[in-house]
Amino acid sequence: MTKYVAIVEKLVFNGKHGDYAIANCKTLVGTVTFALFEPVWLEENVPEKGTYVVLSDIRKKRAGWRAMSARYVRPEDEQQLSK
């Protein structure tokens, strides 16, 4: 599965479908949104604006890109993604 590194630009709480984040990824045109709850967000606490995240299982929706899996970037990701 392809993984993308993105930077969190905005957090939205109490959205129509729950809490979510909007991230910018250099390799995708437009922004990517992801839910801030399980099973999408795989961490215990929500990211802050400016945090790097790894997004995967990306889908194109009418409103833009949606990631179905998201987590923080870890040191081992830097090694794998630089290849």
PDB file of N, CA and C in Angstrom:
ATOM      1  N   MET A   1       0.839  -1.168   0.000  1.00  0.00           N
ATOM      2  CA  MET A   1       0.000   0.000   0.000  1.00  0.00           C
ATOM      3  C   MET A   1       0.896   1.247   0.000  1.00  0.00           C
ATOM      4  N   THR A   2       0.574   2.202  -0.831  1.00  0.00           N
ATOM      5  CA  THR A   2       1.347   3.428  -0.936  1.00  0.00           C
ATOM      6  C   THR A   2       1.107   4.309   0.281  1.00  0.00           C
ATOM      7  N   LYS A   3       2.203   4.879   0.799  1.00  0.00           N
ATOM      8  CA  LYS A   3       2.121   5.783   1.942  1.00  0.00           C
ATOM      9  C   LYS A   3       2.539   7.171   1.501  1.00  0.00           C
ATOM     10  N   TYR A   4       1.884   8.183   2.046  1.00  0.00           N
ATOM     11  CA  TYR A   4       2.175   9.572   1.734  1.00  0.00           C
ATOM     12  C   TYR A   4       2.464  10.322   3.024  1.00  0.00           C
ATOM     13  N   VAL A   5       3.463  11.202   2.984  1.00  0.00           N
ATOM     14  CA  VAL A   5       3.738  12.063   4.126  1.00  0.00           C
ATOM     15  C   VAL A   5       3.053  13.396   3.862  1.00  0.00           C
ATOM     16  N   ALA A   6       2.350  13.890   4.869  1.00  0.00           N
ATOM     17  CA  ALA A   6       1.616  15.144   4.737  1.00  0.00           C
ATOM     18  C   ALA A   6       1.786  15.956   6.016  1.00  0.00           C
ATOM     19  N   ILE A   7       1.456  17.238   5.936  1.00  0.00           N
ATOM     20  CA  ILE A   7       1.534  18.133   7.087  1.00  0.00           C
ATOM     21  C   ILE A   7       0.115  18.567   7.456  1.00  0.00           C
ATOM     22  N   VAL A   8      -0.234  18.415   8.721  1.00  0.00           N
ATOM     23  CA  VAL A   8      -1.557  18.813   9.191  1.00  0.00           C
ATOM     24  C   VAL A   8      -1.668  20.336   9.113  1.00  0.00           C
ATOM     25  N   GLU A   9      -2.704  20.815   8.420  1.00  0.00           N
ATOM     26  CA  GLU A   9      -2.912  22.250   8.264  1.00  0.00           C
ATOM     27  C   GLU A   9      -4.050  22.780   9.133  1.00  0.00           C
ATOM     28  N   LYS A  10      -5.033  21.929   9.395  1.00  0.00           N
ATOM     29  CA  LYS A  10      -6.196  22.398  10.146  1.00  0.00           C
ATOM     30  C   LYS A  10      -6.856  21.219  10.845  1.00  0.00           C
ATOM     31  N   LEU A  11      -7.369  21.470  12.042  1.00  0.00           N
ATOM     32  CA  LEU A  11      -8.150  20.487  12.784  1.00  0.00           C
ATOM     33  C   LEU A  11      -9.578  20.994  12.873  1.00  0.00           C
ATOM     34  N   VAL A  12     -10.528  20.112  12.609  1.00  0.00           N
ATOM     35  CA  VAL A  12     -11.951  20.478  12.660  1.00  0.00           C
ATOM     36  C   VAL A  12     -12.625  19.581  13.694  1.00  0.00           C
ATOM     37  N   PHE A  13     -13.177  20.216  14.718  1.00  0.00           N
ATOM     38  CA  PHE A  13     -13.864  19.464  15.764  1.00  0.00           C
ATOM     39  C   PHE A  13     -15.365  19.666  15.624  1.00  0.00           C
ATOM     40  N   ASN A  14     -16.116  18.637  15.917  1.00  0.00           N
ATOM     41  CA  ASN A  14     -17.582  18.661  15.836  1.00  0.00           C
ATOM     42  C   ASN A  14     -18.082  18.894  14.412  1.00  0.00           C
ATOM     43  N   GLY A  15     -17.370  18.313  13.440  1.00  0.00           N
ATOM     44  CA  GLY A  15     -17.839  18.376  12.054  1.00  0.00           C
ATOM     45  C   GLY A  15     -19.064  17.499  11.873  1.00  0.00           C
ATOM     46  N   LYS A  16     -19.670  17.577  10.723  1.00  0.00           N
ATOM     47  CA  LYS A  16     -20.894  16.816  10.441  1.00  0.00           C
ATOM     48  C   LYS A  16     -20.713  15.318  10.688  1.00  0.00           C
ATOM     49  N   HIS A  17     -19.517  14.796  10.347  1.00  0.00           N
ATOM     50  CA  HIS A  17     -19.240  13.369  10.517  1.00  0.00           C
ATOM     51  C   HIS A  17     -18.218  13.118  11.620  1.00  0.00           C
ATOM     52  N   GLY A  18     -18.037  14.079  12.503  1.00  0.00           N
ATOM     53  CA  GLY A  18     -17.094  13.930  13.607  1.00  0.00           C
ATOM     54  C   GLY A  18     -15.839  14.768  13.404  1.00  0.00           C
ATOM     55  N   ASP A  19     -14.874  14.563  14.298  1.00  0.00           N
ATOM     56  CA  ASP A  19     -13.625  15.317  14.245  1.00  0.00           C
ATOM     57  C   ASP A  19     -12.753  14.816  13.093  1.00  0.00           C
ATOM     58  N   TYR A  20     -12.073  15.760  12.415  1.00  0.00           N
ATOM     59  CA  TYR A  20     -11.186  15.379  11.324  1.00  0.00           C
ATOM     60  C   TYR A  20     -10.080  16.409  11.158  1.00  0.00           C
ATOM     61  N   ALA A  21      -9.070  16.040  10.375  1.00  0.00           N
ATOM     62  CA  ALA A  21      -7.952  16.929  10.089  1.00  0.00           C
ATOM     63  C   ALA A  21      -7.835  17.110   8.583  1.00  0.00           C
ATOM     64  N   ILE A  22      -7.285  18.250   8.214  1.00  0.00           N
ATOM     65  CA  ILE A  22      -7.001  18.554   6.811  1.00  0.00           C
ATOM     66  C   ILE A  22      -5.491  18.672   6.689  1.00  0.00           C
ATOM     67  N   ALA A  23      -4.916  17.921   5.763  1.00  0.00           N
ATOM     68  CA  ALA A  23      -3.464  17.899   5.588  1.00  0.00           C
ATOM     69  C   ALA A  23      -3.097  18.214   4.148  1.00  0.00           C
ATOM     70  N   ASN A  24      -1.878  18.693   3.966  1.00  0.00           N
ATOM     71  CA  ASN A  24      -1.361  19.010   2.645  1.00  0.00           C
ATOM     72  C   ASN A  24      -0.234  18.047   2.322  1.00  0.00           C
ATOM     73  N   CYS A  25      -0.309  17.435   1.154  1.00  0.00           N
ATOM     74  CA  CYS A  25       0.683  16.466   0.699  1.00  0.00           C
ATOM     75  C   CYS A  25       1.254  16.958  -0.625  1.00  0.00           C
ATOM     76  N   LYS A  26       2.571  17.061  -0.718  1.00  0.00           N
ATOM     77  CA  LYS A  26       3.211  17.577  -1.928  1.00  0.00           C
ATOM     78  C   LYS A  26       2.953  16.715  -3.158  1.00  0.00           C
ATOM     79  N   THR A  27       2.759  15.419  -2.971  1.00  0.00           N
ATOM     80  CA  THR A  27       2.619  14.513  -4.109  1.00  0.00           C
ATOM     81  C   THR A  27       1.178  14.340  -4.594  1.00  0.00           C
ATOM     82  N   LEU A  28       0.218  14.910  -3.882  1.00  0.00           N
ATOM     83  CA  LEU A  28      -1.180  14.850  -4.309  1.00  0.00           C
ATOM     84  C   LEU A  28      -1.685  16.268  -4.561  1.00  0.00           C
ATOM     85  N   VAL A  29      -2.493  16.444  -5.587  1.00  0.00           N
ATOM     86  CA  VAL A  29      -3.070  17.751  -5.878  1.00  0.00           C
ATOM     87  C   VAL A  29      -4.257  17.964  -4.945  1.00  0.00           C
ATOM     88  N   GLY A  30      -4.231  19.032  -4.194  1.00  0.00           N
ATOM     89  CA  GLY A  30      -5.303  19.307  -3.252  1.00  0.00           C
ATOM     90  C   GLY A  30      -4.974  18.794  -1.869  1.00  0.00           C
ATOM     91  N   THR A  31      -5.902  18.983  -0.957  1.00  0.00           N
ATOM     92  CA  THR A  31      -5.702  18.557   0.427  1.00  0.00           C
ATOM     93  C   THR A  31      -6.247  17.150   0.638  1.00  0.00           C
ATOM     94  N   VAL A  32      -5.844  16.569   1.769  1.00  0.00           N
ATOM     95  CA  VAL A  32      -6.305  15.233   2.156  1.00  0.00           C
ATOM     96  C   VAL A  32      -6.930  15.358   3.536  1.00  0.00           C
ATOM     97  N   THR A  33      -8.122  14.821   3.704  1.00  0.00           N
ATOM     98  CA  THR A  33      -8.754  14.813   5.020  1.00  0.00           C
ATOM     99  C   THR A  33      -8.678  13.411   5.614  1.00  0.00           C
ATOM    100  N   PHE A  34      -8.680  13.362   6.940  1.00  0.00           N
ATOM    101  CA  PHE A  34      -8.739  12.067   7.630  1.00  0.00           C
ATOM    102  C   PHE A  34      -9.421  12.249   8.972  1.00  0.00           C
ATOM    103  N   ALA A  35     -10.164  11.232   9.373  1.00  0.00           N
ATOM    104  CA  ALA A  35     -10.896  11.240  10.636  1.00  0.00           C
ATOM    105  C   ALA A  35      -9.924  11.152  11.804  1.00  0.00           C
ATOM    106  N   LEU A  36     -10.290  11.749  12.915  1.00  0.00           N
ATOM    107  CA  LEU A  36      -9.452  11.728  14.109  1.00  0.00           C
ATOM    108  C   LEU A  36      -9.946  10.717  15.141  1.00  0.00           C
ATOM    109  N   PHE A  37     -10.509   9.620  14.656  1.00  0.00           N
ATOM    110  CA  PHE A  37     -10.967   8.556  15.545  1.00  0.00           C
ATOM    111  C   PHE A  37     -10.696   7.218  14.883  1.00  0.00           C
ATOM    112  N   GLU A  38     -10.730   6.151  15.677  1.00  0.00           N
ATOM    113  CA  GLU A  38     -10.494   4.799  15.153  1.00  0.00           C
ATOM    114  C   GLU A  38     -11.592   4.415  14.190  1.00  0.00           C
ATOM    115  N   PRO A  39     -11.351   3.631  13.204  1.00  0.00           N
ATOM    116  CA  PRO A  39     -10.106   2.947  12.872  1.00  0.00           C
ATOM    117  C   PRO A  39      -9.165   3.761  11.984  1.00  0.00           C
ATOM    118  N   VAL A  40      -9.496   5.001  11.647  1.00  0.00           N
ATOM    119  CA  VAL A  40      -8.644   5.798  10.749  1.00  0.00           C
ATOM    120  C   VAL A  40      -7.411   6.325  11.474  1.00  0.00           C
ATOM    121  N   TRP A  41      -7.598   7.115  12.529  1.00  0.00           N
ATOM    122  CA  TRP A  41      -6.472   7.687  13.270  1.00  0.00           C
ATOM    123  C   TRP A  41      -5.955   6.641  14.237  1.00  0.00           C
ATOM    124  N   LEU A  42      -4.682   6.266  14.088  1.00  0.00           N
ATOM    125  CA  LEU A  42      -4.116   5.138  14.818  1.00  0.00           C
ATOM    126  C   LEU A  42      -3.340   5.522  16.066  1.00  0.00           C
ATOM    127  N   GLU A  43      -3.437   6.781  16.487  1.00  0.00           N
ATOM    128  CA  GLU A  43      -2.699   7.262  17.655  1.00  0.00           C
ATOM    129  C   GLU A  43      -3.667   7.592  18.790  1.00  0.00           C
ATOM    130  N   GLU A  44      -3.123   7.729  20.006  1.00  0.00           N
ATOM    131  CA  GLU A  44      -3.963   8.017  21.168  1.00  0.00           C
ATOM    132  C   GLU A  44      -4.386   9.471  21.262  1.00  0.00           C
ATOM    133  N   ASN A  45      -3.509  10.404  20.834  1.00  0.00           N
ATOM    134  CA  ASN A  45      -3.847  11.816  20.924  1.00  0.00           C
ATOM    135  C   ASN A  45      -3.887  12.435  19.526  1.00  0.00           C
ATOM    136  N   VAL A  46      -4.608  13.523  19.390  1.00  0.00           N
ATOM    137  CA  VAL A  46      -4.768  14.147  18.076  1.00  0.00           C
ATOM    138  C   VAL A  46      -3.521  14.949  17.718  1.00  0.00           C
ATOM    139  N   PRO A  47      -3.226  15.061  16.432  1.00  0.00           N
ATOM    140  CA  PRO A  47      -2.039  15.814  16.019  1.00  0.00           C
ATOM    141  C   PRO A  47      -2.277  17.321  16.162  1.00  0.00           C
ATOM    142  N   GLU A  48      -1.188  18.058  16.204  1.00  0.00           N
ATOM    143  CA  GLU A  48      -1.260  19.512  16.218  1.00  0.00           C
ATOM    144  C   GLU A  48      -1.057  20.026  14.809  1.00  0.00           C
ATOM    145  N   LYS A  49      -1.455  21.243  14.569  1.00  0.00           N
ATOM    146  CA  LYS A  49      -1.193  21.889  13.294  1.00  0.00           C
ATOM    147  C   LYS A  49       0.320  21.915  13.080  1.00  0.00           C
ATOM    148  N   GLY A  50       0.756  21.571  11.873  1.00  0.00           N
ATOM    149  CA  GLY A  50       2.180  21.537  11.553  1.00  0.00           C
ATOM    150  C   GLY A  50       2.840  20.191  11.759  1.00  0.00           C
ATOM    151  N   THR A  51       2.103  19.215  12.281  1.00  0.00           N
ATOM    152  CA  THR A  51       2.640  17.872  12.526  1.00  0.00           C
ATOM    153  C   THR A  51       2.695  17.067  11.236  1.00  0.00           C
ATOM    154  N   TYR A  52       3.792  16.321  11.047  1.00  0.00           N
ATOM    155  CA  TYR A  52       3.904  15.415   9.909  1.00  0.00           C
ATOM    156  C   TYR A  52       3.179  14.118  10.230  1.00  0.00           C
ATOM    157  N   VAL A  53       2.420  13.618   9.271  1.00  0.00           N
ATOM    158  CA  VAL A  53       1.683  12.364   9.422  1.00  0.00           C
ATOM    159  C   VAL A  53       1.888  11.485   8.198  1.00  0.00           C
ATOM    160  N   VAL A  54       1.699  10.188   8.392  1.00  0.00           N
ATOM    161  CA  VAL A  54       1.731   9.225   7.296  1.00  0.00           C
ATOM    162  C   VAL A  54       0.289   8.863   6.973  1.00  0.00           C
ATOM    163  N   LEU A  55      -0.081   9.030   5.715  1.00  0.00           N
ATOM    164  CA  LEU A  55      -1.440   8.721   5.259  1.00  0.00           C
ATOM    165  C   LEU A  55      -1.384   7.551   4.284  1.00  0.00           C
ATOM    166  N   SER A  56      -2.356   6.666   4.372  1.00  0.00           N
ATOM    167  CA  SER A  56      -2.420   5.550   3.429  1.00  0.00           C
ATOM    168  C   SER A  56      -3.876   5.196   3.147  1.00  0.00           C
ATOM    169  N   ASP A  57      -4.056   4.292   2.209  1.00  0.00           N
ATOM    170  CA  ASP A  57      -5.387   3.915   1.731  1.00  0.00           C
ATOM    171  C   ASP A  57      -6.160   5.171   1.321  1.00  0.00           C
ATOM    172  N   ILE A  58      -5.555   5.933   0.400  1.00  0.00           N
ATOM    173  CA  ILE A  58      -6.108   7.204  -0.071  1.00  0.00           C
ATOM    174  C   ILE A  58      -7.199   6.943  -1.106  1.00  0.00           C
ATOM    175  N   ARG A  59      -8.295   7.669  -0.972  1.00  0.00           N
ATOM    176  CA  ARG A  59      -9.419   7.542  -1.906  1.00  0.00           C
ATOM    177  C   ARG A  59      -9.844   8.912  -2.410  1.00  0.00           C
ATOM    178  N   LYS A  60     -10.251   8.975  -3.637  1.00  0.00           N
ATOM    179  CA  LYS A  60     -10.737  10.225  -4.214  1.00  0.00           C
ATOM    180  C   LYS A  60     -12.236  10.306  -3.979  1.00  0.00           C
ATOM    181  N   LYS A  61     -12.669  11.382  -3.336  1.00  0.00           N
ATOM    182  CA  LYS A  61     -14.087  11.618  -3.093  1.00  0.00           C
ATOM    183  C   LYS A  61     -14.482  12.883  -3.842  1.00  0.00           C
ATOM    184  N   ARG A  62     -15.734  13.158  -3.932  1.00  0.00           N
ATOM    185  CA  ARG A  62     -16.205  14.357  -4.621  1.00  0.00           C
ATOM    186  C   ARG A  62     -15.591  15.623  -4.002  1.00  0.00           C
ATOM    187  N   ALA A  63     -15.446  15.635  -2.680  1.00  0.00           N
ATOM    188  CA  ALA A  63     -14.904  16.804  -1.990  1.00  0.00           C
ATOM    189  C   ALA A  63     -13.377  16.827  -1.955  1.00  0.00           C
ATOM    190  N   GLY A  64     -12.715  15.800  -2.476  1.00  0.00           N
ATOM    191  CA  GLY A  64     -11.252  15.750  -2.479  1.00  0.00           C
ATOM    192  C   GLY A  64     -10.740  14.399  -2.005  1.00  0.00           C
ATOM    193  N   TRP A  65      -9.472  14.373  -1.623  1.00  0.00           N
ATOM    194  CA  TRP A  65      -8.836  13.136  -1.186  1.00  0.00           C
ATOM    195  C   TRP A  65      -9.183  12.819   0.260  1.00  0.00           C
ATOM    196  N   ARG A  66      -9.340  11.528   0.540  1.00  0.00           N
ATOM    197  CA  ARG A  66      -9.625  11.064   1.898  1.00  0.00           C
ATOM    198  C   ARG A  66      -8.678   9.919   2.225  1.00  0.00           C
ATOM    199  N   ALA A  67      -8.022  10.005   3.379  1.00  0.00           N
ATOM    200  CA  ALA A  67      -7.150   8.927   3.853  1.00  0.00           C
ATOM    201  C   ALA A  67      -7.946   8.043   4.801  1.00  0.00           C
ATOM    202  N   MET A  68      -7.850   6.753   4.594  1.00  0.00           N
ATOM    203  CA  MET A  68      -8.574   5.812   5.441  1.00  0.00           C
ATOM    204  C   MET A  68      -7.698   5.246   6.561  1.00  0.00           C
ATOM    205  N   SER A  69      -6.412   5.693   6.584  1.00  0.00           N
ATOM    206  CA  SER A  69      -5.490   5.316   7.648  1.00  0.00           C
ATOM    207  C   SER A  69      -4.496   6.462   7.839  1.00  0.00           C
ATOM    208  N   ALA A  70      -4.253   6.838   9.092  1.00  0.00           N
ATOM    209  CA  ALA A  70      -3.344   7.944   9.381  1.00  0.00           C
ATOM    210  C   ALA A  70      -2.663   7.729  10.726  1.00  0.00           C
ATOM    211  N   ARG A  71      -1.389   8.165  10.781  1.00  0.00           N
ATOM    212  CA  ARG A  71      -0.619   8.073  12.029  1.00  0.00           C
ATOM    213  C   ARG A  71       0.543   9.051  11.954  1.00  0.00           C
ATOM    214  N   TYR A  72       1.260   9.204  13.074  1.00  0.00           N
ATOM    215  CA  TYR A  72       2.423  10.075  13.120  1.00  0.00           C
ATOM    216  C   TYR A  72       3.580   9.486  12.299  1.00  0.00           C
ATOM    217  N   VAL A  73       4.440  10.354  11.791  1.00  0.00           N
ATOM    218  CA  VAL A  73       5.674   9.918  11.130  1.00  0.00           C
ATOM    219  C   VAL A  73       6.651   9.486  12.215  1.00  0.00           C
ATOM    220  N   ARG A  74       7.333   8.377  11.985  1.00  0.00           N
ATOM    221  CA  ARG A  74       8.325   7.852  12.914  1.00  0.00           C
ATOM    222  C   ARG A  74       9.682   7.798  12.211  1.00  0.00           C
ATOM    223  N   PRO A  75      10.787   7.684  12.959  1.00  0.00           N
ATOM    224  CA  PRO A  75      12.110   7.653  12.336  1.00  0.00           C
ATOM    225  C   PRO A  75      12.260   6.575  11.260  1.00  0.00           C
ATOM    226  N   GLU A  76      11.684   5.419  11.483  1.00  0.00           N
ATOM    227  CA  GLU A  76      11.803   4.346  10.489  1.00  0.00           C
ATOM    228  C   GLU A  76      11.075   4.695   9.185  1.00  0.00           C
ATOM    229  N   ASP A  77      10.066   5.562   9.264  1.00  0.00           N
ATOM    230  CA  ASP A  77       9.374   6.007   8.059  1.00  0.00           C
ATOM    231  C   ASP A  77      10.294   6.826   7.170  1.00  0.00           C
ATOM    232  N   GLU A  78      11.123   7.648   7.777  1.00  0.00           N
ATOM    233  CA  GLU A  78      12.046   8.486   7.009  1.00  0.00           C
ATOM    234  C   GLU A  78      12.959   7.615   6.170  1.00  0.00           C
ATOM    235  N   GLN A  79      13.434   6.513   6.724  1.00  0.00           N
ATOM    236  CA  GLN A  79      14.328   5.608   6.002  1.00  0.00           C
ATOM    237  C   GLN A  79      13.591   4.918   4.862  1.00  0.00           C
ATOM    238  N   GLN A  80      12.381   4.432   5.120  1.00  0.00           N
ATOM    239  CA  GLN A  80      11.618   3.711   4.105  1.00  0.00           C
ATOM    240  C   GLN A  80      11.152   4.635   2.991  1.00  0.00           C
ATOM    241  N   LEU A  81      10.706   5.824   3.334  1.00  0.00           N
ATOM    242  CA  LEU A  81      10.150   6.741   2.337  1.00  0.00           C
ATOM    243  C   LEU A  81      11.233   7.436   1.516  1.00  0.00           C
ATOM    244  N   SER A  82      12.470   7.417   1.973  1.00  0.00           N
ATOM    245  CA  SER A  82      13.538   8.057   1.208  1.00  0.00           C
ATOM    246  C   SER A  82      14.080   7.157   0.101  1.00  0.00           C
ATOM    247  N   LYS A  83      13.708   5.874   0.086  1.00  0.00           N
ATOM    248  CA  LYS A  83      14.186   4.934  -0.938  1.00  0.00           C
ATOM    249  C   LYS A  83      13.514   5.173  -2.263  1.00  0.00           C
TER     250      LYS A  83
END
